[in-house]
Amino acid sequence: SARTAFLFRGGAGVPAPRSAFEETLDRVEALLGSHPEGPFFMGRGFGAVDCAWAPFLERYAVQLPLMHSGLRVRDRARRPRLGDWFEAMEAQVPSYASRVQGSAHTWAAVLASAGYGNAGNARAYQTPEVLPSMADNQTWLKFSHGRSGMGRTPKEEVAMRMWRNREALVRDGTSKCTARSMSTDVVDRALRLCVHSLTLESDLGENAEEAEASITGMLVESFTPTEMLDVVAVMNFNIRRVCVPRDMGNLPARQWELYLATISKLAEGLAE
């Protein structure tokens, strides 16, 4: 399933027909309806059946709308029980949203890669829709409680992971970021600024204006106007680099993407 072979037919890279996916989703809705007390497949409690369906349904939610325009998996008007299931997985199963769930950008990238099912013909797809998550910091606290070496919040987890993997991040940013040729020093400073931003008391979610002002100040102090486009390139490269959930769970990954994209936007505005 890593290369989504089950989405294609005939070995020629042709997507399965929309009607086949619609039928499958309607059958899933009926299965969920067989236990009307819900929201999970076997009723009120999360179980093995949910574990079996989750990898397919979360990919469907991202990939099917990219293959068939207008085919929305999380369509509450048509499939309310499936909508309840997605929300329950995110809100009631902390380990799922915090570590197991993949991200929209990762599943879109997998779909576009040359692999099994698409006959080696990679396709460029539009940017996937990133739906709001029912998971929040409280979800993360429930997951991380009692686990050593984890951040207290999703953004603190990102900062810790960046710091622990700093040598690899700098090495890859220097050698694989082909948008611009830049020094190890610039890549290192850009990533350190990102870690510092993640540890600020102000938060891009709740205090966005204050946080952006602090990040802008750090950019001006740390980089010349001509280096700002290097910062943009480093941030954009790393947004694409992360694979969710291989590298981190979806909750931390949302913070990763938010902070790197914000730093990229601010640096671009300061570029000479």
Protein backbone atom coordinates (compact mmCIF):
# COMPACT_ATOMS: atom_id res chain seq x y z
CA SER A 1 0.00 0.00 0.00
CA ALA A 2 2.99 2.33 0.33
CA ARG A 3 2.75 3.03 -3.40
CA THR A 4 -1.07 2.90 -3.44
CA ALA A 5 -1.25 0.06 -5.97
CA PHE A 6 -4.83 -0.63 -4.89
CA LEU A 7 -5.93 2.72 -6.38
CA PHE A 8 -4.98 1.77 -9.94
CA ARG A 9 -6.25 -0.75 -12.48
CA GLY A 10 -4.68 -2.72 -15.30
CA GLY A 11 -1.01 -2.00 -14.60
CA ALA A 12 -1.01 1.05 -16.88
CA GLY A 13 -1.29 3.66 -14.18
CA VAL A 14 -5.01 4.24 -14.82
CA PRO A 15 -6.95 5.15 -11.67
CA ALA A 16 -9.76 2.83 -10.69
CA PRO A 17 -13.15 4.28 -11.66
CA ARG A 18 -14.86 6.70 -9.36
CA SER A 19 -17.87 4.38 -9.08
CA ALA A 20 -15.69 1.68 -7.49
CA PHE A 21 -14.52 4.04 -4.77
CA GLU A 22 -18.02 5.39 -4.19
CA GLU A 23 -19.30 1.83 -3.75
CA THR A 24 -16.54 1.02 -1.27
CA LEU A 25 -17.18 4.14 0.77
CA ASP A 26 -20.92 3.47 0.84
CA ARG A 27 -20.23 -0.06 2.08
CA VAL A 28 -17.98 1.34 4.81
CA GLU A 29 -20.77 3.70 5.83
CA ALA A 30 -23.13 0.71 6.03
CA LEU A 31 -20.64 -1.25 8.12
CA LEU A 32 -20.39 1.60 10.59
CA GLY A 33 -24.18 1.76 10.66
CA SER A 34 -24.41 -1.86 11.75
CA HIS A 35 -23.37 -0.64 15.21
CA PRO A 36 -25.44 2.56 15.46
CA GLU A 37 -24.18 3.39 18.93
CA GLY A 38 -20.81 4.11 17.21
CA PRO A 39 -18.65 5.91 16.43
CA PHE A 40 -16.24 3.00 15.83
CA PHE A 41 -16.75 -0.08 13.66
CA MET A 42 -17.72 -2.27 16.61
CA GLY A 43 -19.60 0.41 18.53
CA ARG A 44 -18.46 2.77 21.25
CA GLY A 45 -14.99 1.31 21.72
CA PHE A 46 -11.94 1.52 19.49
CA GLY A 47 -10.69 -1.90 18.36
CA ALA A 48 -8.89 -4.11 15.87
CA VAL A 49 -11.33 -3.41 13.02
CA ASP A 50 -10.57 0.31 13.28
CA CYS A 51 -6.83 -0.49 13.16
CA ALA A 52 -7.37 -2.49 9.98
CA TRP A 53 -9.39 0.21 8.20
CA ALA A 54 -7.44 3.28 9.32
CA PRO A 55 -4.46 3.02 6.89
CA PHE A 56 -6.80 2.77 3.91
CA LEU A 57 -9.38 5.35 4.92
CA GLU A 58 -6.90 8.06 5.85
CA ARG A 59 -5.15 7.64 2.50
CA TYR A 60 -8.49 7.63 0.70
CA ALA A 61 -9.40 10.92 2.38
CA VAL A 62 -6.38 12.63 0.81
CA GLN A 63 -5.78 10.72 -2.41
CA LEU A 64 -9.23 10.11 -3.87
CA PRO A 65 -10.12 13.82 -4.24
CA LEU A 66 -6.85 14.26 -6.16
CA MET A 67 -7.70 11.41 -8.53
CA HIS A 68 -11.40 12.17 -8.99
CA SER A 69 -12.46 15.80 -8.67
CA GLY A 70 -15.24 16.32 -6.16
CA LEU A 71 -14.95 12.88 -4.57
CA ARG A 72 -14.83 13.81 -0.89
CA VAL A 73 -14.35 10.97 1.55
CA ARG A 74 -15.10 13.03 4.65
CA ASP A 75 -18.45 14.20 3.30
CA ARG A 76 -20.71 14.37 6.34
CA ALA A 77 -23.77 15.16 4.25
CA ARG A 78 -23.49 11.86 2.37
CA ARG A 79 -21.66 9.66 4.88
CA PRO A 80 -22.20 11.02 8.42
CA ARG A 81 -21.06 7.84 10.18
CA LEU A 82 -17.76 7.87 8.31
CA GLY A 83 -17.35 11.52 9.28
CA ASP A 84 -17.99 10.58 12.93
CA TRP A 85 -15.39 7.81 12.65
CA PHE A 86 -12.66 10.13 11.39
CA GLU A 87 -13.37 12.64 14.15
CA ALA A 88 -13.44 9.94 16.83
CA MET A 89 -10.12 8.51 15.67
CA GLU A 90 -8.49 11.92 16.00
CA ALA A 91 -10.18 12.98 19.24
CA GLN A 92 -10.47 9.70 21.15
CA VAL A 93 -7.41 7.68 20.11
CA PRO A 94 -4.39 9.77 21.19
CA SER A 95 -1.79 7.39 19.74
CA TYR A 96 -3.41 7.61 16.30
CA ALA A 97 -3.34 11.40 15.87
CA SER A 98 -0.06 11.80 17.73
CA ARG A 99 2.08 9.12 16.11
CA VAL A 100 0.28 6.85 13.60
CA GLN A 101 -1.73 9.16 11.34
CA GLY A 102 -0.08 10.33 8.13
CA SER A 103 -0.33 13.81 6.66
CA ALA A 104 -2.06 15.18 3.59
CA HIS A 105 1.22 16.26 2.02
CA THR A 106 2.85 12.86 2.54
CA TRP A 107 -0.04 10.88 1.04
CA ALA A 108 -0.21 13.27 -1.92
CA ALA A 109 3.54 12.88 -2.47
CA VAL A 110 3.23 9.08 -2.35
CA LEU A 111 0.44 9.18 -4.92
CA ALA A 112 2.58 11.29 -7.25
CA SER A 113 5.70 9.11 -6.99
CA ALA A 114 6.71 6.55 -9.59
CA GLY A 115 5.94 3.26 -7.93
CA TYR A 116 3.70 0.23 -7.90
CA GLY A 117 0.32 0.54 -9.55
CA ASN A 118 0.99 3.65 -11.61
CA ALA A 119 3.33 1.82 -14.04
CA GLY A 120 6.23 4.06 -13.06
CA ASN A 121 4.43 7.12 -14.37
CA ALA A 122 4.63 9.74 -11.66
CA ARG A 123 1.92 12.36 -11.89
CA ALA A 124 1.82 15.87 -10.55
CA TYR A 125 -1.25 16.42 -8.42
CA GLN A 126 -2.67 19.63 -7.04
CA THR A 127 -1.95 20.62 -3.45
CA PRO A 128 -4.12 18.45 -1.20
CA GLU A 129 -6.75 19.91 1.08
CA VAL A 130 -5.54 19.93 4.69
CA LEU A 131 -8.63 19.36 6.80
CA PRO A 132 -8.89 20.62 10.39
CA SER A 133 -7.98 17.99 12.96
CA MET A 134 -10.03 17.16 16.05
CA ALA A 135 -6.78 16.45 17.89
CA ASP A 136 -5.15 19.17 20.00
CA ASN A 137 -2.54 19.69 22.72
CA GLN A 138 -4.66 17.72 25.17
CA THR A 139 -4.60 14.77 22.77
CA TRP A 140 -0.81 15.01 22.72
CA LEU A 141 -0.62 15.16 26.52
CA LYS A 142 -2.62 11.95 26.82
CA PHE A 143 -0.29 10.25 24.35
CA SER A 144 3.01 11.54 25.75
CA HIS A 145 2.16 11.08 29.45
CA GLY A 146 4.59 8.64 31.00
CA ARG A 147 6.73 8.38 27.85
CA SER A 148 10.31 9.53 28.32
CA GLY A 149 12.12 11.79 25.87
CA MET A 150 9.03 13.41 24.40
CA GLY A 151 8.05 17.07 24.16
CA ARG A 152 5.29 18.45 26.36
CA THR A 153 3.51 19.86 23.30
CA PRO A 154 3.55 18.97 19.58
CA LYS A 155 5.71 22.00 18.74
CA GLU A 156 8.16 21.16 21.53
CA GLU A 157 8.34 17.63 20.10
CA VAL A 158 9.28 19.10 16.71
CA ALA A 159 12.00 21.26 18.28
CA MET A 160 13.45 18.23 20.08
CA ARG A 161 13.41 16.09 16.95
CA MET A 162 15.10 18.83 14.93
CA TRP A 163 17.79 19.21 17.56
CA ARG A 164 18.43 15.47 17.86
CA ASN A 165 18.69 15.14 14.07
CA ARG A 166 20.43 18.44 13.43
CA GLU A 167 23.52 16.97 11.76
CA ALA A 168 21.48 15.03 9.21
CA LEU A 169 19.19 18.00 8.59
CA VAL A 170 22.13 20.31 7.95
CA ARG A 171 23.85 17.75 5.75
CA ASP A 172 20.76 17.13 3.64
CA GLY A 173 19.94 20.83 3.44
CA THR A 174 23.43 21.57 2.15
CA SER A 175 23.71 18.70 -0.34
CA LYS A 176 20.12 18.07 -1.49
CA CYS A 177 18.49 21.49 -1.45
CA THR A 178 18.94 22.17 -5.15
CA ALA A 179 16.91 25.37 -5.26
CA ARG A 180 20.02 27.34 -4.29
CA SER A 181 23.68 26.63 -3.63
CA MET A 182 24.38 27.60 -0.03
CA SER A 183 26.90 27.08 2.71
CA THR A 184 26.60 24.71 5.66
CA ASP A 185 26.74 27.75 7.93
CA VAL A 186 23.61 29.33 6.42
CA VAL A 187 21.66 26.05 6.55
CA ASP A 188 22.72 25.49 10.14
CA ARG A 189 21.71 29.01 11.20
CA ALA A 190 18.36 28.76 9.41
CA LEU A 191 17.49 25.50 11.16
CA ARG A 192 18.63 26.84 14.53
CA LEU A 193 16.32 29.81 14.04
CA CYS A 194 13.47 27.40 13.36
CA VAL A 195 14.17 25.49 16.59
CA HIS A 196 14.31 28.78 18.50
CA SER A 197 10.98 29.85 16.99
CA LEU A 198 9.37 26.60 18.15
CA THR A 199 10.46 27.30 21.72
CA LEU A 200 9.01 30.83 21.87
CA GLU A 201 6.36 31.42 24.51
CA SER A 202 4.12 33.03 21.89
CA ASP A 203 2.43 30.54 19.59
CA LEU A 204 1.59 30.81 15.88
CA GLY A 205 -1.76 29.22 16.60
CA GLU A 206 -2.95 31.38 19.49
CA ASN A 207 -0.70 34.46 19.33
CA ALA A 208 0.22 34.51 15.66
CA GLU A 209 0.89 38.25 15.37
CA GLU A 210 3.19 38.29 18.39
CA ALA A 211 4.99 35.14 17.29
CA GLU A 212 5.52 36.44 13.75
CA ALA A 213 6.93 39.70 15.11
CA SER A 214 9.43 37.75 17.24
CA ILE A 215 10.45 35.54 14.31
CA THR A 216 10.85 38.58 12.05
CA GLY A 217 13.15 40.16 14.63
CA MET A 218 15.29 37.02 14.78
CA LEU A 219 15.52 36.87 10.99
CA VAL A 220 16.69 40.47 10.75
CA GLU A 221 19.30 39.90 13.47
CA SER A 222 20.59 36.62 12.05
CA PHE A 223 20.62 37.04 8.26
CA THR A 224 21.54 39.64 5.70
CA PRO A 225 18.92 40.61 3.11
CA THR A 226 20.77 38.57 0.48
CA GLU A 227 20.69 35.47 2.71
CA MET A 228 16.92 35.59 3.18
CA LEU A 229 16.24 33.61 -0.02
CA ASP A 230 18.58 30.91 1.33
CA VAL A 231 16.36 30.73 4.41
CA VAL A 232 13.30 30.41 2.16
CA ALA A 233 14.94 27.55 0.26
CA VAL A 234 15.91 25.70 3.45
CA MET A 235 12.42 25.98 4.91
CA ASN A 236 10.65 24.90 1.71
CA PHE A 237 13.03 21.95 1.24
CA ASN A 238 12.38 20.69 4.77
CA ILE A 239 8.60 21.03 4.45
CA ARG A 240 8.81 18.59 1.54
CA ARG A 241 11.46 16.43 3.20
CA VAL A 242 9.45 15.16 6.16
CA CYS A 243 7.54 11.89 5.74
CA VAL A 244 4.59 11.44 8.09
CA PRO A 245 4.29 9.21 10.10
CA ARG A 246 7.78 7.79 9.39
CA ASP A 247 9.58 10.84 10.75
CA MET A 248 6.93 12.10 13.19
CA GLY A 249 3.21 11.89 13.84
CA ASN A 250 0.60 14.14 12.27
CA LEU A 251 0.15 16.42 15.29
CA PRO A 252 3.84 17.44 15.45
CA ALA A 253 3.99 17.48 11.63
CA ARG A 254 1.27 20.13 11.50
CA GLN A 255 3.46 22.34 13.70
CA TRP A 256 6.51 21.53 11.55
CA GLU A 257 4.70 22.68 8.41
CA LEU A 258 3.16 25.73 10.08
CA TYR A 259 6.43 27.08 11.48
CA LEU A 260 8.59 26.34 8.45
CA ALA A 261 6.01 27.84 6.08
CA THR A 262 5.69 30.95 8.25
CA ILE A 263 9.46 31.46 8.46
CA SER A 264 9.67 31.01 4.68
CA LYS A 265 6.96 33.63 4.12
CA LEU A 266 8.54 36.13 6.50
CA ALA A 267 12.05 35.63 5.08
CA GLU A 268 10.77 36.09 1.53
CA GLY A 269 9.26 39.41 2.56
CA LEU A 270 12.66 40.52 3.91
CA ALA A 271 14.71 39.33 0.92
CA GLU A 272 16.73 41.82 -1.09
